[in-house]
């Protein structure tokens, strides 16, 4: 793949882009925050890296046997409290023959991942359309997505064959029936922090990449439909169980390879609480979409976008929020309320920060670091202050006694 060139910048002049981690090996994919740490995945090597206080540890906290070519490898991560879920193409040995795509659950001790438990095994022999994105719902449910794996059966709207765990969004833990079907491939899942609704990005073939509002029992239409459906295409959908098709909330007619999708619900970026952010892997763009009132679709100022499609020759200006990131593979919001962007082609993690959080130092401009101050630390401080106060008081009493 040929990446766009340039350094990241943001359209909003009140924000700046800060590179916080560099030299991440082997095609970094997705990341997750746990406590105040970052866990970042190396797709090709199968290594999970720990970033603490802005510094990446030299040794990985986990090294998995993966088939790390094309779209296989260490692909997805999500957390539930101190449980960590990893999605990867497991192999006989590092770089060996692929066995399957597997999702394991681990316990995070603060220093390592322990107690590996297999949660789900999925098809994984094909080097393409493995999906891998995962997300945790507001109720703690873990979801994962897998692409078509080159198969064309009932789950790809062909009306033949059985359930084979391809082209679907799955409930992983706790398990359950397919949440959605008819998905060609996806690198992005997100939960709306206000409504709890699920969204995804979906990659088209030669045209029409998509953003979808994913309701339960959603049929995304592949391989009959990509982009807005025509009457002829709708007539060819065979129908499967209770799964219902609806048009995407947005499409790019020309392929951009959308990847990560994320919402922002934080005080530092409060002005974007009604926005959805999406990254791409071809143009290096970070896109911003404004939600409608019920948060199920988008609203636009440009009348050319009224059909929810950027058609060939139409401008991307209204939805372009940032440029120069090259291949974006993840967008997350940290415990500091700031947006973090993983660039696979830059081997880096960037942070988007308001200029109001910059501070002037003797050596130039620096950035104020939002402090995450756990409640238990506050308790310790209060106890310490009380103890000091008691000691000071007793000392004064003793002095009075001595003087008398």
Protein backbone atom coordinates (compact mmCIF):
# COMPACT_ATOMS: atom_id res chain seq x y z
CA UNK A 1 0.00 0.00 0.00
CA UNK A 2 1.24 3.53 -0.80
CA UNK A 3 0.67 5.93 2.08
CA UNK A 4 0.00 9.64 2.01
CA UNK A 5 2.93 11.80 3.09
CA UNK A 6 3.20 14.69 5.53
CA UNK A 7 3.04 15.47 9.23
CA UNK A 8 -0.26 15.54 11.12
CA UNK A 9 -2.19 18.77 11.55
CA UNK A 10 -5.67 19.67 12.81
CA UNK A 11 -8.13 22.06 11.16
CA UNK A 12 -9.31 23.40 14.53
CA UNK A 13 -6.77 26.11 15.38
CA UNK A 14 -7.51 25.67 19.09
CA UNK A 15 -5.96 22.20 18.98
CA UNK A 16 -2.47 20.90 18.35
CA UNK A 17 -1.06 17.45 17.57
CA UNK A 18 1.62 16.06 19.85
CA UNK A 19 3.66 12.93 19.01
CA UNK A 20 3.92 11.04 22.31
CA UNK A 21 5.33 7.61 21.33
CA UNK A 22 7.57 6.76 18.37
CA UNK A 23 9.43 3.80 16.88
CA UNK A 24 6.70 1.23 17.54
CA UNK A 25 7.73 -1.87 15.65
CA UNK A 26 6.00 -4.15 13.24
CA UNK A 27 2.87 -2.27 12.10
CA UNK A 28 1.10 -1.05 15.27
CA UNK A 29 -2.63 -1.72 15.08
CA UNK A 30 -4.95 -1.04 18.00
CA UNK A 31 -4.39 0.16 21.55
CA UNK A 32 -6.27 0.23 24.84
CA UNK A 33 -6.03 2.21 28.05
CA UNK A 34 -6.00 0.29 31.30
CA UNK A 35 -5.64 2.38 34.44
CA UNK A 36 -3.28 5.10 33.19
CA UNK A 37 -1.25 2.78 30.98
CA UNK A 38 -1.45 2.06 27.26
CA UNK A 39 -1.29 -1.41 25.75
CA UNK A 40 -0.31 -1.23 22.06
CA UNK A 41 -0.33 -4.17 19.63
CA UNK A 42 2.30 -5.01 17.01
CA UNK A 43 0.44 -6.75 14.19
CA UNK A 44 3.36 -8.58 12.57
CA UNK A 45 5.36 -9.64 15.63
CA UNK A 46 2.47 -10.60 17.93
CA UNK A 47 3.94 -8.52 20.74
CA UNK A 48 1.89 -6.51 23.23
CA UNK A 49 3.80 -3.43 24.45
CA UNK A 50 3.28 -1.46 27.65
CA UNK A 51 3.50 2.34 27.59
CA UNK A 52 3.71 3.85 31.05
CA UNK A 53 4.26 7.54 31.81
CA UNK A 54 4.82 8.14 28.10
CA UNK A 55 7.65 5.60 27.84
CA UNK A 56 7.38 2.29 26.00
CA UNK A 57 8.96 -0.61 27.89
CA UNK A 58 11.85 -2.28 26.09
CA UNK A 59 10.50 -5.79 26.65
CA UNK A 60 6.98 -6.81 25.58
CA UNK A 61 4.52 -7.86 28.25
CA UNK A 62 3.27 -10.64 25.97
CA UNK A 63 4.68 -12.33 22.85
CA UNK A 64 2.18 -14.43 20.90
CA UNK A 65 2.64 -16.87 18.03
CA UNK A 66 0.94 -15.13 15.10
CA UNK A 67 0.76 -15.31 11.33
CA UNK A 68 1.54 -11.64 10.74
CA UNK A 69 1.17 -11.13 7.00
CA UNK A 70 -1.29 -8.94 5.05
CA UNK A 71 -4.42 -8.63 7.25
CA UNK A 72 -3.48 -11.43 9.66
CA UNK A 73 -1.66 -11.01 12.96
CA UNK A 74 -2.33 -9.34 16.30
CA UNK A 75 -5.45 -7.40 15.38
CA UNK A 76 -7.67 -6.28 18.25
CA UNK A 77 -7.84 -5.38 21.93
CA UNK A 78 -10.49 -4.24 24.40
CA UNK A 79 -10.77 -4.20 28.17
CA UNK A 80 -13.40 -4.75 30.84
CA UNK A 81 -12.09 -3.46 34.16
CA UNK A 82 -8.84 -5.46 34.56
CA UNK A 83 -9.76 -8.10 31.99
CA UNK A 84 -8.02 -7.75 28.62
CA UNK A 85 -9.30 -9.35 25.39
CA UNK A 86 -6.95 -9.97 22.44
CA UNK A 87 -7.94 -10.99 18.90
CA UNK A 88 -5.14 -12.52 16.80
CA UNK A 89 -4.37 -14.97 14.02
CA UNK A 90 -2.75 -17.76 16.00
CA UNK A 91 -0.11 -19.85 14.25
CA UNK A 92 1.85 -23.05 14.88
CA UNK A 93 4.90 -20.91 15.66
CA UNK A 94 5.81 -17.26 15.18
CA UNK A 95 5.26 -16.58 11.47
CA UNK A 96 4.10 -20.16 10.91
CA UNK A 97 0.96 -21.57 9.34
CA UNK A 98 -2.25 -19.97 10.56
CA UNK A 99 -4.46 -22.10 12.79
CA UNK A 100 -7.42 -19.77 13.36
CA UNK A 101 -8.40 -16.30 14.49
CA UNK A 102 -8.80 -16.61 18.23
CA UNK A 103 -9.97 -14.32 21.01
CA UNK A 104 -8.43 -14.84 24.44
CA UNK A 105 -9.15 -13.20 27.76
CA UNK A 106 -6.38 -12.29 30.23
CA UNK A 107 -6.08 -10.83 33.71
CA UNK A 108 -4.05 -7.61 33.98
CA UNK A 109 -1.91 -7.51 37.15
CA UNK A 110 -0.51 -4.05 36.52
CA UNK A 111 2.69 -5.57 35.18
CA UNK A 112 1.69 -8.56 33.03
CA UNK A 113 -1.15 -10.42 31.32
CA UNK A 114 -1.90 -13.74 33.00
CA UNK A 115 -4.51 -16.54 33.10
CA UNK A 116 -5.10 -16.94 29.35
CA UNK A 117 -8.61 -18.23 28.57
CA UNK A 118 -9.88 -19.03 25.05
CA UNK A 119 -13.20 -17.24 24.54
CA UNK A 120 -13.87 -17.69 20.80
CA UNK A 121 -12.32 -19.42 17.79
CA UNK A 122 -13.04 -17.99 14.33
CA UNK A 123 -11.96 -18.80 10.76
CA UNK A 124 -8.48 -17.47 10.07
CA UNK A 125 -6.81 -19.29 7.18
CA UNK A 126 -7.26 -16.45 4.68
CA UNK A 127 -4.73 -13.62 4.73
CA UNK A 128 -7.46 -11.02 4.08
CA UNK A 129 -10.76 -9.86 5.60
CA UNK A 130 -10.01 -10.99 9.14
CA UNK A 131 -11.52 -7.88 10.75
CA UNK A 132 -10.31 -7.94 14.34
CA UNK A 133 -11.70 -4.74 15.83
CA UNK A 134 -13.29 -5.16 19.27
CA UNK A 135 -15.19 -2.85 21.60
CA UNK A 136 -16.85 -3.03 25.01
CA UNK A 137 -20.46 -1.94 25.45
CA UNK A 138 -21.71 0.22 28.31
CA UNK A 139 -23.05 -2.96 29.95
CA UNK A 140 -19.67 -4.70 29.72
CA UNK A 141 -20.54 -6.85 26.69
CA UNK A 142 -17.55 -7.46 24.40
CA UNK A 143 -18.13 -7.28 20.63
CA UNK A 144 -15.82 -8.30 17.77
CA UNK A 145 -16.04 -8.12 13.97
CA UNK A 146 -14.75 -10.48 11.28
CA UNK A 147 -14.90 -10.07 7.51
CA UNK A 148 -16.05 -12.51 4.84
CA UNK A 149 -12.79 -14.52 4.72
CA UNK A 150 -13.40 -15.00 0.99
CA UNK A 151 -16.57 -17.03 1.55
CA UNK A 152 -19.92 -16.44 -0.13
CA UNK A 153 -22.76 -18.06 1.76
CA UNK A 154 -25.84 -17.24 3.75
CA UNK A 155 -24.03 -14.65 5.89
CA UNK A 156 -22.94 -12.86 2.70
CA UNK A 157 -26.58 -12.74 1.48
CA UNK A 158 -26.26 -15.61 -1.00
CA UNK A 159 -29.00 -17.68 0.59
CA UNK A 160 -26.89 -20.85 0.71
CA UNK A 161 -24.77 -22.62 3.30
CA UNK A 162 -24.87 -22.34 7.08
CA UNK A 163 -23.50 -20.24 9.90
CA UNK A 164 -19.72 -20.13 9.64
CA UNK A 165 -18.79 -17.07 11.73
CA UNK A 166 -17.83 -14.85 8.78
CA UNK A 167 -19.09 -11.36 7.78
CA UNK A 168 -20.52 -10.80 11.27
CA UNK A 169 -20.33 -8.74 14.43
CA UNK A 170 -20.34 -11.17 17.33
CA UNK A 171 -21.18 -10.98 20.99
CA UNK A 172 -18.02 -12.42 22.49
CA UNK A 173 -18.41 -12.23 26.25
CA UNK A 174 -21.06 -13.04 27.21
CA UNK A 175 -21.70 -14.93 23.99
CA UNK A 176 -24.90 -14.72 22.00
CA UNK A 177 -26.39 -14.74 18.50
CA UNK A 178 -24.82 -12.66 15.73
CA UNK A 179 -25.37 -8.97 16.39
CA UNK A 180 -25.00 -8.11 12.68
CA UNK A 181 -24.27 -9.86 9.37
CA UNK A 182 -23.46 -9.06 5.73
CA UNK A 183 -20.21 -7.24 6.50
CA UNK A 184 -17.48 -7.36 3.85
CA UNK A 185 -14.69 -6.33 6.24
CA UNK A 186 -14.23 -3.84 9.06
CA UNK A 187 -11.40 -2.25 11.01
CA UNK A 188 -13.54 -0.13 13.33
CA UNK A 189 -16.17 -0.57 16.05
CA UNK A 190 -17.32 2.07 18.54
CA UNK A 191 -19.93 2.52 21.25
CA UNK A 192 -21.75 5.83 21.61
CA UNK A 193 -21.07 6.80 25.26
CA UNK A 194 -24.42 8.62 25.47
CA UNK A 195 -26.81 6.04 23.98
CA UNK A 196 -24.78 2.81 24.12
CA UNK A 197 -25.46 2.25 20.41
CA UNK A 198 -22.93 0.39 18.26
CA UNK A 199 -21.32 1.86 15.12
CA UNK A 200 -18.87 0.44 12.59
CA UNK A 201 -16.80 1.31 9.56
CA UNK A 202 -16.89 -1.04 6.57
CA UNK A 203 -14.53 -1.38 3.65
CA UNK A 204 -15.92 -1.60 0.15
CA UNK A 205 -14.47 -3.40 -2.82
CA UNK A 206 -13.82 -0.92 -5.65
CA UNK A 207 -16.16 1.76 -4.31
CA UNK A 208 -18.43 2.78 -1.43
CA UNK A 209 -16.69 2.50 1.92
CA UNK A 210 -19.22 2.95 4.72
CA UNK A 211 -20.04 4.18 8.23
CA UNK A 212 -22.97 2.29 9.76
CA UNK A 213 -25.27 2.73 12.73
CA UNK A 214 -25.48 -0.91 13.80
CA UNK A 215 -28.71 -1.90 15.50
CA UNK A 216 -29.27 -5.43 16.77
CA UNK A 217 -30.03 -7.84 13.89
CA UNK A 218 -28.53 -5.47 11.31
CA UNK A 219 -27.81 -6.74 7.78
CA UNK A 220 -25.11 -4.61 6.12
CA UNK A 221 -25.90 -6.00 2.67
CA UNK A 222 -22.64 -7.55 1.42
CA UNK A 223 -22.11 -9.03 -1.07
CA UNK A 224 -25.21 -7.76 -2.81
CA UNK A 225 -24.94 -4.13 -1.64
CA UNK A 226 -22.21 -1.62 -0.79
CA UNK A 227 -23.21 2.01 -0.35
CA UNK A 228 -26.83 3.17 -0.72
CA UNK A 229 -28.99 0.39 -2.14
CA UNK A 230 -30.84 0.50 -5.42
CA UNK A 231 -34.27 -1.08 -5.79
CA UNK A 232 -32.73 -3.84 -7.92
CA UNK A 233 -30.17 -4.64 -5.23
CA UNK A 234 -32.81 -4.71 -2.49
CA UNK A 235 -34.83 -7.16 -4.54
CA UNK A 236 -31.84 -9.54 -4.64
CA UNK A 237 -31.44 -9.75 -0.87
CA UNK A 238 -32.57 -13.28 0.04
CA UNK A 239 -33.38 -12.41 3.65
CA UNK A 240 -31.86 -14.25 6.57
CA UNK A 241 -33.58 -14.92 9.86
CA UNK A 242 -34.60 -11.56 11.42
CA UNK A 243 -31.70 -9.51 10.08
CA UNK A 244 -32.80 -6.23 8.47
CA UNK A 245 -30.93 -4.14 5.92
CA UNK A 246 -30.60 -0.34 6.14
CA UNK A 247 -28.48 2.07 4.12
CA UNK A 248 -25.18 3.28 5.58
CA UNK A 249 -25.21 6.58 7.46
CA UNK A 250 -22.36 7.73 5.23
CA UNK A 251 -20.40 6.47 2.21
CA UNK A 252 -17.34 7.46 0.23
CA UNK A 253 -17.85 6.58 -3.43
CA UNK A 254 -14.07 6.56 -3.94
CA UNK A 255 -12.31 4.13 -1.61
CA UNK A 256 -10.51 5.71 1.37
CA UNK A 257 -10.14 2.55 3.51
CA UNK A 258 -11.85 3.77 6.70
CA UNK A 259 -10.48 2.22 9.85
CA UNK A 260 -10.96 3.41 13.42
CA UNK A 261 -14.15 5.09 14.64
CA UNK A 262 -14.54 6.85 17.98
CA UNK A 263 -16.70 9.16 20.07
CA UNK A 264 -15.39 11.83 22.45
CA UNK A 265 -17.10 12.42 25.78
CA UNK A 266 -14.71 14.44 27.92
CA UNK A 267 -14.26 17.89 29.44
CA UNK A 268 -11.08 18.89 27.50
CA UNK A 269 -12.84 18.13 24.19
CA UNK A 270 -16.38 18.97 25.28
CA UNK A 271 -17.12 20.92 22.08
CA UNK A 272 -16.98 17.59 20.21
CA UNK A 273 -19.40 15.63 22.39
CA UNK A 274 -21.85 15.41 19.47
CA UNK A 275 -19.24 14.32 16.92
CA UNK A 276 -18.02 11.03 15.50
CA UNK A 277 -14.38 10.67 14.43
CA UNK A 278 -13.16 8.28 11.73
CA UNK A 279 -9.66 7.62 10.38
CA UNK A 280 -8.60 6.36 6.97
CA UNK A 281 -5.60 4.43 5.67
CA UNK A 282 -5.25 5.89 2.16
CA UNK A 283 -5.44 9.68 2.50
CA UNK A 284 -4.18 9.92 6.08
CA UNK A 285 -7.27 11.92 7.03
CA UNK A 286 -9.06 12.19 10.35
CA UNK A 287 -12.75 12.86 9.64
CA UNK A 288 -15.39 14.47 11.87
CA UNK A 289 -19.14 13.97 11.50
CA UNK A 290 -21.86 15.85 13.36
CA UNK A 291 -24.61 13.68 14.86
CA UNK A 292 -28.30 14.38 14.37
CA UNK A 293 -30.54 14.99 17.36
CA UNK A 294 -31.27 11.33 18.10
CA UNK A 295 -27.64 10.31 17.40
CA UNK A 296 -28.55 7.76 14.72
CA UNK A 297 -27.17 9.63 11.69
CA UNK A 298 -25.38 12.78 10.55
CA UNK A 299 -26.23 16.34 9.54
CA UNK A 300 -24.28 18.40 7.00
CA UNK A 301 -24.08 22.02 5.90
CA UNK A 302 -22.93 21.20 2.36
CA UNK A 303 -26.06 20.38 0.30
CA UNK A 304 -23.97 18.00 -1.82
CA UNK A 305 -23.73 15.72 1.21
CA UNK A 306 -27.49 15.58 1.74
CA UNK A 307 -27.48 12.11 0.15
CA UNK A 308 -24.96 10.98 2.82
CA UNK A 309 -22.37 10.23 0.12
CA UNK A 310 -19.15 11.91 -0.98
CA UNK A 311 -19.49 11.24 -4.68
CA UNK A 312 -16.60 11.35 -7.12
CA UNK A 313 -15.40 14.94 -7.52
CA UNK A 314 -17.17 16.26 -4.41
CA UNK A 315 -15.26 18.02 -1.64
CA UNK A 316 -14.14 16.38 1.60
CA UNK A 317 -13.64 19.77 3.24
CA UNK A 318 -16.64 19.76 5.59
CA UNK A 319 -15.81 16.38 7.10
CA UNK A 320 -12.00 16.68 7.19
CA UNK A 321 -10.77 17.36 10.72
CA UNK A 322 -7.09 16.44 10.44
CA UNK A 323 -4.56 15.47 7.77
CA UNK A 324 -1.08 13.96 7.49
CA UNK A 325 -1.58 10.95 9.76
CA UNK A 326 -0.96 8.49 6.91
CA UNK A 327 -2.47 5.08 7.76
CA UNK A 328 -4.58 5.51 10.92
CA UNK A 329 -5.32 2.24 12.71
CA UNK A 330 -6.91 3.37 15.97
CA UNK A 331 -8.52 6.36 17.69
CA UNK A 332 -9.05 6.24 21.46
CA UNK A 333 -9.91 8.70 24.23
CA UNK A 334 -7.60 8.46 27.22
CA UNK A 335 -8.33 8.85 30.94
CA UNK A 336 -7.05 12.43 30.52
CA UNK A 337 -9.99 13.12 28.16
CA UNK A 338 -7.72 13.67 25.14
CA UNK A 339 -7.80 11.93 21.76
CA UNK A 340 -5.05 9.48 20.84
CA UNK A 341 -4.41 8.41 17.23
CA UNK A 342 -2.28 5.44 16.14
CA UNK A 343 -0.48 5.83 12.81
CA UNK A 344 0.75 2.50 11.46
CA UNK A 345 2.87 4.06 8.74
CA UNK A 346 4.48 6.55 11.16
CA UNK A 347 4.99 3.82 13.83
CA UNK A 348 3.70 6.40 16.30
CA UNK A 349 0.93 7.44 18.67
CA UNK A 350 -0.25 11.05 18.52
CA UNK A 351 -2.27 13.01 21.05
CA UNK A 352 -4.66 15.84 20.16
CA UNK A 353 -4.62 18.50 22.86
CA UNK A 354 -6.20 21.96 23.32
CA UNK A 355 -3.78 24.89 23.11
CA UNK A 356 -5.29 26.10 26.39
CA UNK A 357 -3.51 23.19 28.07
CA UNK A 358 -0.11 24.37 26.84
CA UNK A 359 2.16 26.00 29.42
CA UNK A 360 5.17 28.27 29.05
CA UNK A 361 8.45 27.01 30.52
CA UNK A 362 12.01 28.35 30.67
CA UNK A 363 12.91 26.13 27.71
CA UNK A 364 9.90 27.02 25.59
CA UNK A 365 6.39 25.62 25.09
CA UNK A 366 5.37 22.48 26.94
CA UNK A 367 2.07 20.79 27.61
CA UNK A 368 0.23 20.57 30.87
CA UNK A 369 -0.23 16.92 31.76
CA UNK A 370 -3.76 16.23 33.01
CA UNK A 371 -3.32 14.44 36.31
CA UNK A 372 -5.36 11.35 37.01
CA UNK A 373 -5.68 11.44 40.78
CA UNK A 374 -7.27 8.24 42.15
CA UNK A 375 -9.69 8.56 45.05
CA UNK A 376 -7.54 6.35 47.27
CA UNK A 377 -4.63 8.75 46.83
CA UNK A 378 -6.82 11.62 47.97
CA UNK A 379 -7.74 9.61 51.07
CA UNK A 380 -4.05 9.03 51.82
CA UNK A 381 -3.36 12.76 51.52
CA UNK A 382 -6.22 13.62 53.87
CA UNK A 383 -4.99 11.07 56.44
CA UNK A 384 -1.45 12.42 56.16
CA UNK A 385 -2.67 16.01 56.69
CA UNK A 386 -4.67 14.93 59.74
CA UNK A 387 -1.67 13.09 61.22
CA UNK A 388 0.59 16.11 60.65
CA UNK A 389 -2.03 18.36 62.25
CA UNK A 390 -2.29 16.10 65.30
CA UNK A 391 1.50 15.95 65.66
CA UNK A 392 1.78 19.73 65.42
CA UNK A 393 -1.01 20.17 67.98
CA UNK A 394 0.54 17.68 70.44
CA UNK A 395 3.93 19.36 70.03
CA UNK A 396 2.42 22.73 70.95
CA UNK A 397 0.71 21.20 74.00
CA UNK A 398 3.99 19.62 75.10
CA UNK A 399 5.81 22.93 74.79
CA UNK A 400 3.18 24.64 76.93
CA UNK A 401 3.52 21.91 79.56
CA UNK A 402 7.29 22.22 79.54
CA UNK A 403 7.09 25.99 79.93
CA UNK A 404 4.73 25.70 82.85
